[in-house]
């Protein structure tokens, strides 16, 4: 390629040089860092080999050659629909549909939520981790509901710190098989990857600490014993709610991986799990933001197939 020259725009002011190079060339940050280290990048006419230096708006950057592994990364895709439940200049709360992968990974290099977000909010490209810009936490492909996305580095730092401090409120609705012994409780058990089946997670003493709290919302008796739960995450392990509930004998309805695919709901095309609520402190104003999402139509229809457990009968009074 011929040399690439650019003046740093305001949107990239204060960013690391290697990240600026990655944006200009649409290459990986690893490749951009290698270019800088190899002396292929000059800043205001002076060759620099330090990718960590910060550049100011108006700085002139020249890149003399292409990276060794030059290939486009994270091309924006406007065909990926993005439903937004909350939006301002710092934060997005996306209402993700089931079936949509959050960010690129093995087997999913295109058509993810991130690709759709980049088409609508290109400013997130330099926010957060490489390969998953703006993403503060994730949801499984077949879990629907609310997901936090940061639009600025400041917001990303704040939201990830809030997650670490466990001040982000995340509540999920799930339908499980059977009736629980207690109307309210917590499952405190470490979760790790299964040694026998690496694609599955399991409760294991070798795993990482994990805690899920639950409240029973409704119990159903027909056409099978099930319970609708509100689950709150105190930690965020892979498949945490599904693994914990299966471990106590109440797997999530429709979850074939953890024993939850059974009649009469064996026709449900995904497991019954929806991220219904997220609460966080706004990174700029400090205001507490609370966002809710109703059950999507497929899960609402599944829930409607069950009838509520009747209240215990009151014995008729018999006179003396």
Protein backbone atom coordinates (compact mmCIF):
# COMPACT_ATOMS: atom_id res chain seq x y z
CA UNK A 1 0.00 0.00 0.00
CA UNK A 2 1.03 3.63 -0.36
CA UNK A 3 1.70 5.62 2.79
CA UNK A 4 -1.34 6.54 4.85
CA UNK A 5 -1.42 10.06 6.27
CA UNK A 6 -4.07 11.46 8.58
CA UNK A 7 -4.71 14.27 11.02
CA UNK A 8 -6.04 12.99 14.34
CA UNK A 9 -9.70 14.03 14.70
CA UNK A 10 -11.29 15.14 17.95
CA UNK A 11 -12.95 11.74 18.39
CA UNK A 12 -9.51 10.10 18.74
CA UNK A 13 -7.86 12.81 20.83
CA UNK A 14 -6.07 11.35 23.85
CA UNK A 15 -6.08 7.80 22.51
CA UNK A 16 -3.00 5.57 22.31
CA UNK A 17 -1.07 5.73 19.06
CA UNK A 18 -1.46 2.00 18.36
CA UNK A 19 -5.25 2.29 18.66
CA UNK A 20 -5.29 5.25 16.28
CA UNK A 21 -3.24 3.25 13.77
CA UNK A 22 -5.62 0.30 14.15
CA UNK A 23 -8.59 2.55 13.32
CA UNK A 24 -6.87 4.19 10.36
CA UNK A 25 -5.87 0.86 8.81
CA UNK A 26 -8.88 -1.18 10.02
CA UNK A 27 -6.48 -3.79 11.35
CA UNK A 28 -6.06 -5.49 14.71
CA UNK A 29 -4.45 -3.62 17.55
CA UNK A 30 -1.77 -6.33 17.71
CA UNK A 31 -0.84 -5.65 14.08
CA UNK A 32 -0.90 -1.89 14.68
CA UNK A 33 1.38 -2.24 17.71
CA UNK A 34 3.82 -4.28 15.63
CA UNK A 35 3.91 -1.58 12.96
CA UNK A 36 4.71 1.09 15.53
CA UNK A 37 7.41 -1.06 17.15
CA UNK A 38 8.98 -1.67 13.74
CA UNK A 39 9.33 2.07 13.05
CA UNK A 40 6.66 2.27 10.35
CA UNK A 41 4.75 5.12 12.04
CA UNK A 42 5.73 8.74 12.45
CA UNK A 43 4.04 11.39 14.57
CA UNK A 44 4.39 14.99 13.39
CA UNK A 45 7.30 13.86 11.19
CA UNK A 46 9.18 11.96 13.90
CA UNK A 47 9.32 8.16 13.84
CA UNK A 48 8.17 6.67 17.12
CA UNK A 49 8.28 3.07 18.30
CA UNK A 50 6.09 3.50 21.38
CA UNK A 51 2.47 2.54 20.77
CA UNK A 52 1.39 3.64 24.25
CA UNK A 53 1.96 7.35 23.69
CA UNK A 54 -1.19 9.48 23.54
CA UNK A 55 -1.93 11.66 20.54
CA UNK A 56 -3.70 15.00 20.49
CA UNK A 57 -6.30 16.37 18.10
CA UNK A 58 -4.56 17.78 15.04
CA UNK A 59 -1.49 15.53 15.35
CA UNK A 60 -0.20 14.37 11.97
CA UNK A 61 0.25 10.59 11.75
CA UNK A 62 1.95 8.86 8.80
CA UNK A 63 2.05 5.07 8.31
CA UNK A 64 4.59 3.91 5.74
CA UNK A 65 3.39 0.35 5.08
CA UNK A 66 0.62 -2.17 5.68
CA UNK A 67 0.64 -4.50 8.67
CA UNK A 68 1.78 -8.07 8.10
CA UNK A 69 -1.66 -9.48 8.87
CA UNK A 70 -3.67 -6.70 7.27
CA UNK A 71 -7.30 -7.69 7.09
CA UNK A 72 -10.45 -5.75 7.85
CA UNK A 73 -11.88 -6.19 11.32
CA UNK A 74 -15.33 -5.49 12.69
CA UNK A 75 -16.92 -4.02 9.59
CA UNK A 76 -20.13 -2.19 10.49
CA UNK A 77 -23.27 -4.02 9.37
CA UNK A 78 -26.45 -1.91 9.17
CA UNK A 79 -28.52 -5.04 8.43
CA UNK A 80 -28.20 -6.10 12.09
CA UNK A 81 -31.16 -4.54 13.88
CA UNK A 82 -30.42 -2.91 17.24
CA UNK A 83 -33.28 -2.28 19.68
CA UNK A 84 -32.35 0.39 22.24
CA UNK A 85 -34.20 0.71 25.56
CA UNK A 86 -32.12 3.62 26.90
CA UNK A 87 -29.69 5.98 25.21
CA UNK A 88 -27.66 9.09 25.93
CA UNK A 89 -24.20 10.37 25.04
CA UNK A 90 -22.43 7.96 27.43
CA UNK A 91 -24.47 4.76 27.73
CA UNK A 92 -26.75 2.49 25.73
CA UNK A 93 -29.02 -0.20 27.11
CA UNK A 94 -29.75 -2.60 24.26
CA UNK A 95 -32.73 -4.99 24.29
CA UNK A 96 -31.13 -8.01 22.60
CA UNK A 97 -33.32 -10.57 20.86
CA UNK A 98 -32.72 -14.29 21.31
CA UNK A 99 -30.56 -15.81 18.59
CA UNK A 100 -28.22 -12.82 18.25
CA UNK A 101 -24.57 -13.31 19.24
CA UNK A 102 -23.19 -10.33 21.18
CA UNK A 103 -19.66 -10.11 19.74
CA UNK A 104 -17.43 -11.95 17.24
CA UNK A 105 -15.88 -15.21 18.32
CA UNK A 106 -15.28 -18.75 17.14
CA UNK A 107 -17.87 -19.54 14.48
CA UNK A 108 -19.38 -16.04 14.58
CA UNK A 109 -17.26 -13.56 12.66
CA UNK A 110 -20.11 -11.53 11.14
CA UNK A 111 -23.68 -10.54 11.92
CA UNK A 112 -23.21 -9.98 15.65
CA UNK A 113 -24.70 -7.26 17.82
CA UNK A 114 -21.33 -5.46 17.77
CA UNK A 115 -21.44 -5.24 13.97
CA UNK A 116 -24.89 -3.67 14.18
CA UNK A 117 -23.84 -1.28 16.93
CA UNK A 118 -20.87 -0.04 14.88
CA UNK A 119 -23.20 0.87 12.02
CA UNK A 120 -25.39 2.99 14.28
CA UNK A 121 -22.82 4.18 16.84
CA UNK A 122 -19.38 4.28 15.18
CA UNK A 123 -18.01 6.21 18.18
CA UNK A 124 -17.83 2.99 20.23
CA UNK A 125 -15.07 1.51 18.02
CA UNK A 126 -12.33 2.64 20.41
CA UNK A 127 -14.22 1.93 23.64
CA UNK A 128 -13.44 -1.14 25.74
CA UNK A 129 -11.79 -4.37 24.70
CA UNK A 130 -10.56 -5.10 21.20
CA UNK A 131 -13.03 -7.22 19.27
CA UNK A 132 -15.95 -6.31 21.52
CA UNK A 133 -16.10 -2.49 21.51
CA UNK A 134 -18.44 -0.92 24.03
CA UNK A 135 -19.56 -4.24 25.47
CA UNK A 136 -19.65 -4.09 29.28
CA UNK A 137 -21.07 -7.57 29.89
CA UNK A 138 -22.56 -10.25 27.67
CA UNK A 139 -25.63 -12.43 27.27
CA UNK A 140 -25.72 -15.92 25.79
CA UNK A 141 -26.90 -16.15 22.20
CA UNK A 142 -30.31 -17.54 23.18
CA UNK A 143 -30.84 -15.27 26.18
CA UNK A 144 -32.92 -12.21 25.36
CA UNK A 145 -33.03 -8.90 27.19
CA UNK A 146 -31.04 -5.96 28.46
CA UNK A 147 -27.36 -5.40 27.87
CA UNK A 148 -25.14 -2.45 28.87
CA UNK A 149 -23.00 -0.77 26.21
CA UNK A 150 -20.56 2.08 26.92
CA UNK A 151 -20.14 4.87 24.36
CA UNK A 152 -17.06 6.51 25.91
CA UNK A 153 -13.91 5.23 27.65
CA UNK A 154 -15.02 7.02 30.85
CA UNK A 155 -18.38 5.25 30.79
CA UNK A 156 -16.70 1.91 30.12
CA UNK A 157 -14.39 2.31 33.10
CA UNK A 158 -17.26 3.34 35.36
CA UNK A 159 -19.62 0.53 34.33
CA UNK A 160 -16.99 -2.20 34.53
CA UNK A 161 -16.00 -0.96 37.99
CA UNK A 162 -19.65 -1.02 39.04
CA UNK A 163 -19.94 -4.61 37.82
CA UNK A 164 -16.84 -5.54 39.81
CA UNK A 165 -18.26 -3.82 42.90
CA UNK A 166 -21.59 -5.62 42.32
CA UNK A 167 -23.60 -2.42 42.27
CA UNK A 168 -25.09 -3.08 38.84
CA UNK A 169 -28.51 -4.65 39.37
CA UNK A 170 -29.34 -7.45 36.91
CA UNK A 171 -32.61 -9.34 37.20
CA UNK A 172 -33.66 -12.22 34.97
CA UNK A 173 -37.00 -13.95 34.49
CA UNK A 174 -36.87 -17.69 34.01
CA UNK A 175 -39.31 -20.59 33.98
CA UNK A 176 -38.01 -23.75 35.66
CA UNK A 177 -39.29 -27.27 36.12
CA UNK A 178 -40.86 -28.15 39.46
CA UNK A 179 -41.71 -26.20 42.62
CA UNK A 180 -38.92 -24.97 44.86
CA UNK A 181 -38.86 -25.70 48.59
CA UNK A 182 -38.55 -22.02 49.51
CA UNK A 183 -40.18 -18.96 47.97
CA UNK A 184 -36.89 -17.07 48.25
CA UNK A 185 -33.31 -18.24 48.43
CA UNK A 186 -29.77 -18.13 47.12
CA UNK A 187 -27.54 -20.66 45.39
CA UNK A 188 -23.93 -20.18 46.40
CA UNK A 189 -21.74 -22.65 44.53
CA UNK A 190 -18.55 -22.27 42.43
CA UNK A 191 -18.83 -22.79 38.69
CA UNK A 192 -16.15 -24.10 36.33
CA UNK A 193 -15.84 -25.79 32.97
CA UNK A 194 -16.78 -29.47 32.86
CA UNK A 195 -13.77 -31.75 32.48
CA UNK A 196 -15.85 -34.34 30.60
CA UNK A 197 -17.75 -31.91 28.35
CA UNK A 198 -15.72 -28.72 27.74
CA UNK A 199 -18.69 -26.89 26.17
CA UNK A 200 -20.62 -27.21 29.43
CA UNK A 201 -20.18 -25.50 32.76
CA UNK A 202 -20.74 -27.25 36.06
CA UNK A 203 -20.73 -26.74 39.82
CA UNK A 204 -17.18 -27.60 40.83
CA UNK A 205 -14.91 -27.03 43.80
CA UNK A 206 -12.26 -26.02 41.25
CA UNK A 207 -14.52 -23.34 39.77
CA UNK A 208 -14.90 -19.64 40.49
CA UNK A 209 -17.19 -18.32 43.20
CA UNK A 210 -20.75 -17.79 41.98
CA UNK A 211 -23.96 -16.71 43.69
CA UNK A 212 -27.51 -16.48 42.32
CA UNK A 213 -30.46 -15.19 44.36
CA UNK A 214 -34.03 -16.07 43.39
CA UNK A 215 -37.64 -15.22 44.22
CA UNK A 216 -40.60 -17.34 43.16
CA UNK A 217 -43.10 -15.15 41.31
CA UNK A 218 -45.69 -17.79 40.39
CA UNK A 219 -46.12 -21.56 40.55
CA UNK A 220 -47.96 -23.52 37.86
CA UNK A 221 -49.54 -26.97 38.02
CA UNK A 222 -50.98 -27.56 34.55
CA UNK A 223 -49.93 -29.01 32.20
CA UNK A 224 -46.83 -29.62 34.33
CA UNK A 225 -45.32 -28.38 37.60
CA UNK A 226 -43.21 -25.31 36.83
CA UNK A 227 -42.22 -22.06 38.55
CA UNK A 228 -41.58 -18.55 37.27
CA UNK A 229 -38.56 -17.05 39.04
CA UNK A 230 -36.87 -13.68 39.25
CA UNK A 231 -33.12 -14.31 39.53
CA UNK A 232 -30.52 -11.76 40.58
CA UNK A 233 -26.85 -12.19 39.77
CA UNK A 234 -24.31 -11.42 42.45
CA UNK A 235 -21.57 -12.68 40.10
CA UNK A 236 -21.47 -13.16 36.33
CA UNK A 237 -20.17 -16.61 35.43
CA UNK A 238 -20.81 -18.30 32.10
CA UNK A 239 -24.26 -19.99 32.09
CA UNK A 240 -24.53 -19.16 35.80
CA UNK A 241 -28.33 -19.14 36.23
CA UNK A 242 -28.79 -22.23 34.08
CA UNK A 243 -26.08 -24.20 35.89
CA UNK A 244 -27.17 -23.20 39.40
CA UNK A 245 -30.84 -24.02 38.84
CA UNK A 246 -30.01 -27.35 37.23
CA UNK A 247 -27.75 -28.14 40.18
CA UNK A 248 -30.67 -27.86 42.64
CA UNK A 249 -32.93 -29.99 40.47
CA UNK A 250 -34.90 -27.22 38.75
CA UNK A 251 -33.42 -26.77 35.26
CA UNK A 252 -34.56 -23.93 33.02
CA UNK A 253 -37.42 -24.90 30.73
CA UNK A 254 -36.18 -25.54 27.19
CA UNK A 255 -32.51 -25.81 28.18
CA UNK A 256 -31.34 -28.98 26.44
CA UNK A 257 -27.75 -28.52 27.53
CA UNK A 258 -28.61 -28.68 31.23
CA UNK A 259 -31.55 -31.09 31.32
CA UNK A 260 -34.44 -28.70 30.76
CA UNK A 261 -35.89 -29.87 27.43
CA UNK A 262 -39.03 -31.80 28.34
CA UNK A 263 -42.65 -32.18 27.28
CA UNK A 264 -44.97 -30.30 27.10
CA UNK A 265 -42.58 -27.50 26.18
CA UNK A 266 -40.14 -29.53 24.12
CA UNK A 267 -41.23 -27.42 21.12
CA UNK A 268 -39.85 -24.21 22.67
CA UNK A 269 -37.03 -23.17 20.35
CA UNK A 270 -34.78 -21.79 23.09
CA UNK A 271 -34.45 -21.85 26.85
CA UNK A 272 -36.72 -19.62 28.93
CA UNK A 273 -34.37 -16.92 30.18
CA UNK A 274 -34.83 -13.17 29.77
CA UNK A 275 -32.75 -10.29 31.17
CA UNK A 276 -35.70 -8.20 32.34
CA UNK A 277 -34.05 -5.44 34.38
CA UNK A 278 -30.77 -3.57 34.68
CA UNK A 279 -29.93 -0.80 37.14
CA UNK A 280 -26.72 1.26 37.30
CA UNK A 281 -25.29 4.58 38.42
CA UNK A 282 -24.90 6.88 35.43
CA UNK A 283 -21.15 7.35 34.73
CA UNK A 284 -21.49 11.14 34.34
CA UNK A 285 -24.40 12.31 36.48
CA UNK A 286 -24.36 9.60 39.16
CA UNK A 287 -28.13 9.28 38.79
CA UNK A 288 -29.50 5.78 39.33
CA UNK A 289 -30.86 4.49 36.02
CA UNK A 290 -33.36 1.61 36.06
CA UNK A 291 -34.45 -0.02 32.79
CA UNK A 292 -37.01 -2.81 32.30
CA UNK A 293 -37.89 -5.14 29.43
CA UNK A 294 -41.10 -7.15 29.09
CA UNK A 295 -41.07 -10.84 28.22
CA UNK A 296 -40.70 -11.21 24.43
CA UNK A 297 -43.63 -12.80 22.57
CA UNK A 298 -42.23 -16.35 22.37
CA UNK A 299 -41.69 -16.58 26.12
CA UNK A 300 -44.97 -14.83 26.91
CA UNK A 301 -46.80 -17.44 24.81
CA UNK A 302 -44.97 -20.27 26.58
CA UNK A 303 -45.87 -18.84 29.99
CA UNK A 304 -49.53 -18.52 28.94
CA UNK A 305 -49.72 -22.28 28.43
CA UNK A 306 -49.48 -22.85 32.18
CA UNK A 307 -52.12 -22.26 34.85
CA UNK A 308 -51.39 -20.85 38.29
CA UNK A 309 -51.40 -23.16 41.29
CA UNK A 310 -54.67 -22.69 43.18
CA UNK A 311 -54.58 -21.28 46.69
CA UNK A 312 -55.07 -23.85 49.48
CA UNK A 313 -58.76 -24.43 50.14
CA UNK A 314 -60.18 -22.94 53.35
CA UNK A 315 -62.03 -25.63 55.35
CA UNK A 316 -65.77 -24.97 55.57
CA UNK A 317 -66.95 -23.96 59.04
CA UNK A 318 -69.01 -26.60 60.74
CA UNK A 319 -71.21 -25.49 63.61
CA UNK A 320 -71.29 -27.23 66.97
